[in-house]
Amino acid sequence: MILDRRLVLMGLTAAMTGCASAPAGDAYRVQGVPADQFPDIPFSDWTDVEPEYLLYPGDEIEVAMPTAAELTRQLKVGPDGRVSLPLLGHVMAADRTLSQLEADVSAGYASQLRRPEVEVTLRLAGPLKVWVDGEVRNPGVFDMPGDIDAYQAVIMAGGVLPSARAQEAALIRRGPGNVRMMRVVDLRPRQGEAVALRRGDIIFIPRTTLGELAAFFTLVRAALPIGFSYSLNGGYAST
C-alpha cells in the first residue's frame, strides 16, 4: 500500500500526545537529516542533556512522611502507573519526577495533616526497556541488560536483515521537557558509531531511506495514562 507520507506526517502531532510539542522555530530540524525531508513532524533539536528522571511502572520508591512516620511506605509503581497510599488511595506516580510526586502527595494530605511533609526516594529502578523495529530479524521490546549502545540493541533483536539500510537508522528519544528528538545513526558492523541508549529509546532501521519513517509512525499511538505506546508486530507496549 502506497502511503501519502506528507499527510501521515501532518497527523503526527495530534496522534502523539505523550510528548510535549517542540519549541516553535526549532521543531523541524533533525540532526543529520535535511530539514525538508520531515517538514511536518515536530522533532526537536537533538541534545545529550540528561533530563530529570521520570518514574516508570516497576520502579520501587519510598514515600516518607517525617511528620507522620506511620504513613511512610515502600511501594512499587504498578503496571497502571499508580501507587497506593494510606488515606489517599491510588495516586499516579508514573511520568512524574520525584519532586512532582512529592508535591502531589503533599497536596493530597493537606486536608488531613497539619504539616504534610513528603520525601520521595527512588530505591530501585524497574526494567529499562528499548524498542527495535524495522529491518531486523526479531523486532520488539527488549530489557536493557545494563549500559548498552544502539548496535548492541540491534544484536538483541537478532541483527539486521540483508535488506536493511543500517547506515541510516533512526534513534528516537524523549528529551528534556518531554519533547521528541531524532537523530540518524550508522549501525553497520565495524563501521558504525557507538551511541549509548537510554530507557525508552526507539531504534528504527529502514529498508531504503528514512522516508519509511512516515509509514513507521502510522503505528505510533499516544500513551494511555503513562508514557508512549508503540505498536510492534501487532502488539502494544508502553514505557
Protein backbone atom coordinates (compact mmCIF):
# COMPACT_ATOMS: atom_id res chain seq x y z
CA MET A 1 0.00 0.00 0.00
CA ILE A 2 1.41 3.38 -1.02
CA LEU A 3 1.20 5.95 1.75
CA ASP A 4 0.92 9.68 1.30
CA ARG A 5 3.88 10.45 3.53
CA ARG A 6 3.16 14.14 3.82
CA LEU A 7 -0.38 13.54 5.05
CA VAL A 8 0.84 10.91 7.50
CA LEU A 9 3.44 13.25 8.93
CA MET A 10 0.96 16.11 9.27
CA GLY A 11 -1.19 13.96 11.54
CA LEU A 12 1.56 13.02 13.96
CA THR A 13 1.27 15.97 16.33
CA ALA A 14 -2.36 15.18 17.04
CA ALA A 15 -1.72 11.44 17.23
CA MET A 16 1.23 11.58 19.64
CA THR A 17 0.16 13.46 22.73
CA GLY A 18 2.53 11.58 25.03
CA CYS A 19 5.19 14.22 24.38
CA ALA A 20 5.02 17.96 24.60
CA SER A 21 5.42 19.85 21.33
CA ALA A 22 8.86 21.12 20.48
CA PRO A 23 9.52 24.87 20.61
CA ALA A 24 8.37 26.79 17.57
CA GLY A 25 11.14 27.58 15.13
CA ASP A 26 13.34 24.70 16.26
CA ALA A 27 10.77 21.96 15.83
CA TYR A 28 11.67 20.71 12.39
CA ARG A 29 15.45 20.35 12.46
CA VAL A 30 16.64 16.76 12.75
CA GLN A 31 20.31 16.06 13.25
CA GLY A 32 21.87 14.61 10.11
CA VAL A 33 18.67 14.90 8.03
CA PRO A 34 17.78 17.77 5.70
CA ALA A 35 15.03 19.88 7.22
CA ASP A 36 12.79 19.49 4.16
CA GLN A 37 12.76 15.69 4.48
CA PHE A 38 10.49 15.84 7.54
CA PRO A 39 8.77 19.22 7.19
CA ASP A 40 5.64 18.38 9.17
CA ILE A 41 6.82 16.37 12.15
CA PRO A 42 7.80 18.25 15.32
CA PHE A 43 11.15 16.71 16.23
CA SER A 44 13.20 18.97 18.44
CA ASP A 45 16.93 19.54 18.05
CA TRP A 46 18.96 16.69 19.47
CA THR A 47 20.65 17.16 22.83
CA ASP A 48 22.58 14.77 25.06
CA VAL A 49 21.47 16.63 28.18
CA GLU A 50 20.11 14.12 30.68
CA PRO A 51 16.51 15.04 31.56
CA GLU A 52 15.19 14.79 35.09
CA TYR A 53 14.26 11.22 35.99
CA LEU A 54 10.64 10.24 35.44
CA LEU A 55 9.11 7.38 37.40
CA TYR A 56 8.03 4.28 35.47
CA PRO A 57 5.97 1.18 36.22
CA GLY A 58 8.16 -1.29 38.07
CA ASP A 59 10.17 1.37 39.93
CA GLU A 60 10.45 0.87 43.68
CA ILE A 61 10.15 4.02 45.77
CA GLU A 62 9.85 5.13 49.36
CA VAL A 63 7.25 7.73 50.26
CA ALA A 64 8.36 9.03 53.65
CA MET A 65 6.30 11.26 55.95
CA PRO A 66 8.70 12.75 58.52
CA THR A 67 5.84 14.33 60.45
CA ALA A 68 3.67 11.18 60.32
CA ALA A 69 6.03 8.23 60.26
CA GLU A 70 3.16 5.72 60.43
CA LEU A 71 2.22 6.75 56.88
CA THR A 72 5.67 6.04 55.40
CA ARG A 73 5.54 3.31 52.78
CA GLN A 74 7.89 1.44 50.46
CA LEU A 75 6.00 0.94 47.22
CA LYS A 76 6.31 -0.41 43.71
CA VAL A 77 4.82 1.59 40.87
CA GLY A 78 2.11 -0.61 39.40
CA PRO A 79 1.56 -1.52 35.73
CA ASP A 80 -1.05 1.25 35.57
CA GLY A 81 1.49 3.78 36.84
CA ARG A 82 -0.12 4.20 40.26
CA VAL A 83 0.86 3.61 43.86
CA SER A 84 -1.49 3.09 46.80
CA LEU A 85 -1.11 5.32 49.86
CA PRO A 86 -2.98 5.25 53.18
CA LEU A 87 -5.82 7.77 53.40
CA LEU A 88 -5.29 8.80 49.77
CA GLY A 89 -5.81 5.58 47.83
CA HIS A 90 -4.34 5.35 44.34
CA VAL A 91 -2.01 8.15 43.23
CA MET A 92 -0.48 8.44 39.76
CA ALA A 93 3.31 8.16 40.01
CA ALA A 94 4.48 7.25 36.51
CA ASP A 95 5.67 10.05 34.21
CA ARG A 96 6.25 12.27 37.26
CA THR A 97 9.53 13.41 38.72
CA LEU A 98 10.26 12.69 42.37
CA SER A 99 9.59 16.31 43.26
CA GLN A 100 6.30 16.34 41.34
CA LEU A 101 5.12 13.22 43.17
CA GLU A 102 6.16 14.79 46.48
CA ALA A 103 4.01 17.83 45.64
CA ASP A 104 1.05 15.66 44.60
CA VAL A 105 1.14 13.57 47.78
CA SER A 106 1.66 16.62 49.98
CA ALA A 107 -1.36 18.31 48.39
CA GLY A 108 -3.40 15.16 48.93
CA TYR A 109 -2.57 15.06 52.64
CA ALA A 110 -3.01 18.81 53.15
CA SER A 111 -6.59 18.45 54.34
CA GLN A 112 -5.71 15.65 56.76
CA LEU A 113 -2.32 16.57 58.21
CA ARG A 114 -1.18 19.78 59.84
CA ARG A 115 2.28 19.59 58.25
CA PRO A 116 2.13 17.25 55.23
CA GLU A 117 5.88 16.97 54.59
CA VAL A 118 6.69 14.32 51.97
CA GLU A 119 10.00 12.86 50.81
CA VAL A 120 10.03 10.52 47.81
CA THR A 121 13.14 8.43 47.14
CA LEU A 122 13.87 6.09 44.25
CA ARG A 123 15.07 2.84 45.80
CA LEU A 124 15.31 0.67 42.68
CA ALA A 125 14.62 1.44 39.03
CA GLY A 126 12.43 -1.03 37.19
CA PRO A 127 13.37 -2.76 33.93
CA LEU A 128 14.98 -0.47 31.35
CA LYS A 129 13.29 -1.12 28.01
CA VAL A 130 14.17 -0.15 24.45
CA TRP A 131 12.26 -0.67 21.21
CA VAL A 132 13.82 -2.02 17.99
CA ASP A 133 11.79 -2.09 14.78
CA GLY A 134 12.23 -2.11 11.04
CA GLU A 135 14.61 -4.37 9.13
CA VAL A 136 15.74 -6.61 12.00
CA ARG A 137 15.08 -10.32 12.48
CA ASN A 138 13.10 -10.07 15.71
CA PRO A 139 11.62 -6.59 16.21
CA GLY A 140 10.16 -5.91 19.63
CA VAL A 141 10.64 -4.52 23.11
CA PHE A 142 13.78 -5.53 24.98
CA ASP A 143 15.03 -5.19 28.54
CA MET A 144 18.41 -3.49 28.66
CA PRO A 145 20.88 -5.79 30.47
CA GLY A 146 22.90 -2.75 31.55
CA ASP A 147 24.58 0.09 29.71
CA ILE A 148 24.33 -0.87 26.04
CA ASP A 149 24.64 1.00 22.77
CA ALA A 150 22.33 1.07 19.77
CA TYR A 151 24.24 -1.59 17.83
CA GLN A 152 24.07 -3.98 20.79
CA ALA A 153 20.31 -3.47 20.93
CA VAL A 154 20.09 -4.43 17.26
CA ILE A 155 22.04 -7.61 18.04
CA MET A 156 19.47 -8.35 20.77
CA ALA A 157 16.83 -8.06 18.04
CA GLY A 158 18.60 -10.76 16.00
CA GLY A 159 20.67 -8.44 13.83
CA VAL A 160 19.75 -6.62 10.65
CA LEU A 161 18.21 -8.24 7.59
CA PRO A 162 20.04 -8.21 4.23
CA SER A 163 17.53 -5.60 3.09
CA ALA A 164 18.41 -3.18 5.91
CA ARG A 165 19.92 0.23 5.33
CA ALA A 166 21.76 0.20 8.65
CA GLN A 167 23.77 3.33 7.89
CA GLU A 168 20.58 5.40 8.09
CA ALA A 169 18.97 4.06 11.25
CA ALA A 170 16.82 6.42 13.30
CA LEU A 171 17.18 6.83 17.06
CA ILE A 172 14.13 8.44 18.66
CA ARG A 173 14.27 9.66 22.25
CA ARG A 174 12.31 11.70 24.76
CA GLY A 175 14.37 14.73 25.62
CA PRO A 176 14.28 17.45 28.27
CA GLY A 177 10.84 18.98 28.55
CA ASN A 178 9.33 15.72 27.24
CA VAL A 179 9.89 16.63 23.57
CA ARG A 180 10.63 14.15 20.81
CA MET A 181 14.14 14.10 19.37
CA MET A 182 15.52 12.08 16.46
CA ARG A 183 19.00 11.56 15.10
CA VAL A 184 20.42 9.38 12.36
CA VAL A 185 22.95 6.74 13.44
CA ASP A 186 25.16 4.41 11.41
CA LEU A 187 24.71 0.89 12.77
CA ARG A 188 26.75 -1.07 10.25
CA PRO A 189 29.05 -3.68 11.83
CA ARG A 190 32.58 -2.40 12.41
CA GLN A 191 31.73 0.85 10.62
CA GLY A 192 29.02 2.38 12.73
CA GLU A 193 29.15 4.57 15.80
CA ALA A 194 28.66 3.58 19.42
CA VAL A 195 25.63 5.50 20.65
CA ALA A 196 24.68 4.84 24.28
CA LEU A 197 20.98 4.14 24.81
CA ARG A 198 18.61 5.44 27.43
CA ARG A 199 15.45 3.97 28.81
CA GLY A 200 12.57 4.19 26.34
CA ASP A 201 14.69 4.77 23.23
CA ILE A 202 13.38 3.58 19.86
CA ILE A 203 15.62 2.33 17.06
CA PHE A 204 14.13 2.05 13.58
CA ILE A 205 16.13 0.57 10.71
CA PRO A 206 14.66 1.31 7.27
CA ARG A 207 14.78 -0.79 4.14
CA THR A 208 15.59 2.03 1.75
CA THR A 209 15.66 5.55 3.18
CA LEU A 210 14.42 7.39 6.24
CA GLY A 211 11.32 8.28 4.25
CA GLU A 212 10.00 4.95 5.56
CA LEU A 213 9.62 6.62 8.94
CA ALA A 214 6.34 8.04 7.67
CA ALA A 215 4.92 4.53 7.44
CA PHE A 216 6.50 3.55 10.74
CA PHE A 217 4.86 6.42 12.56
CA THR A 218 1.41 5.30 11.48
CA LEU A 219 1.98 2.55 14.08
CA VAL A 220 2.79 5.00 16.85
CA ARG A 221 -0.06 5.82 19.21
CA ALA A 222 -0.33 8.22 22.12
CA ALA A 223 0.07 6.69 25.56
CA LEU A 224 -2.75 5.59 27.77
CA PRO A 225 -2.19 7.24 31.12
CA ILE A 226 1.59 6.97 31.01
CA GLY A 227 4.47 7.34 28.62
CA PHE A 228 4.44 6.26 24.99
CA SER A 229 2.70 3.30 23.40
CA TYR A 230 4.17 1.70 20.30
CA SER A 231 2.75 -0.99 18.06
CA LEU A 232 5.31 -3.65 17.18
CA ASN A 233 4.31 -6.76 15.24
CA GLY A 234 0.68 -6.07 16.01
CA GLY A 235 1.19 -5.88 19.78
CA TYR A 236 1.30 -2.83 22.02
CA ALA A 237 3.66 -1.98 24.85
CA SER A 238 4.15 1.22 26.79
CA THR A 239 7.16 2.67 28.53
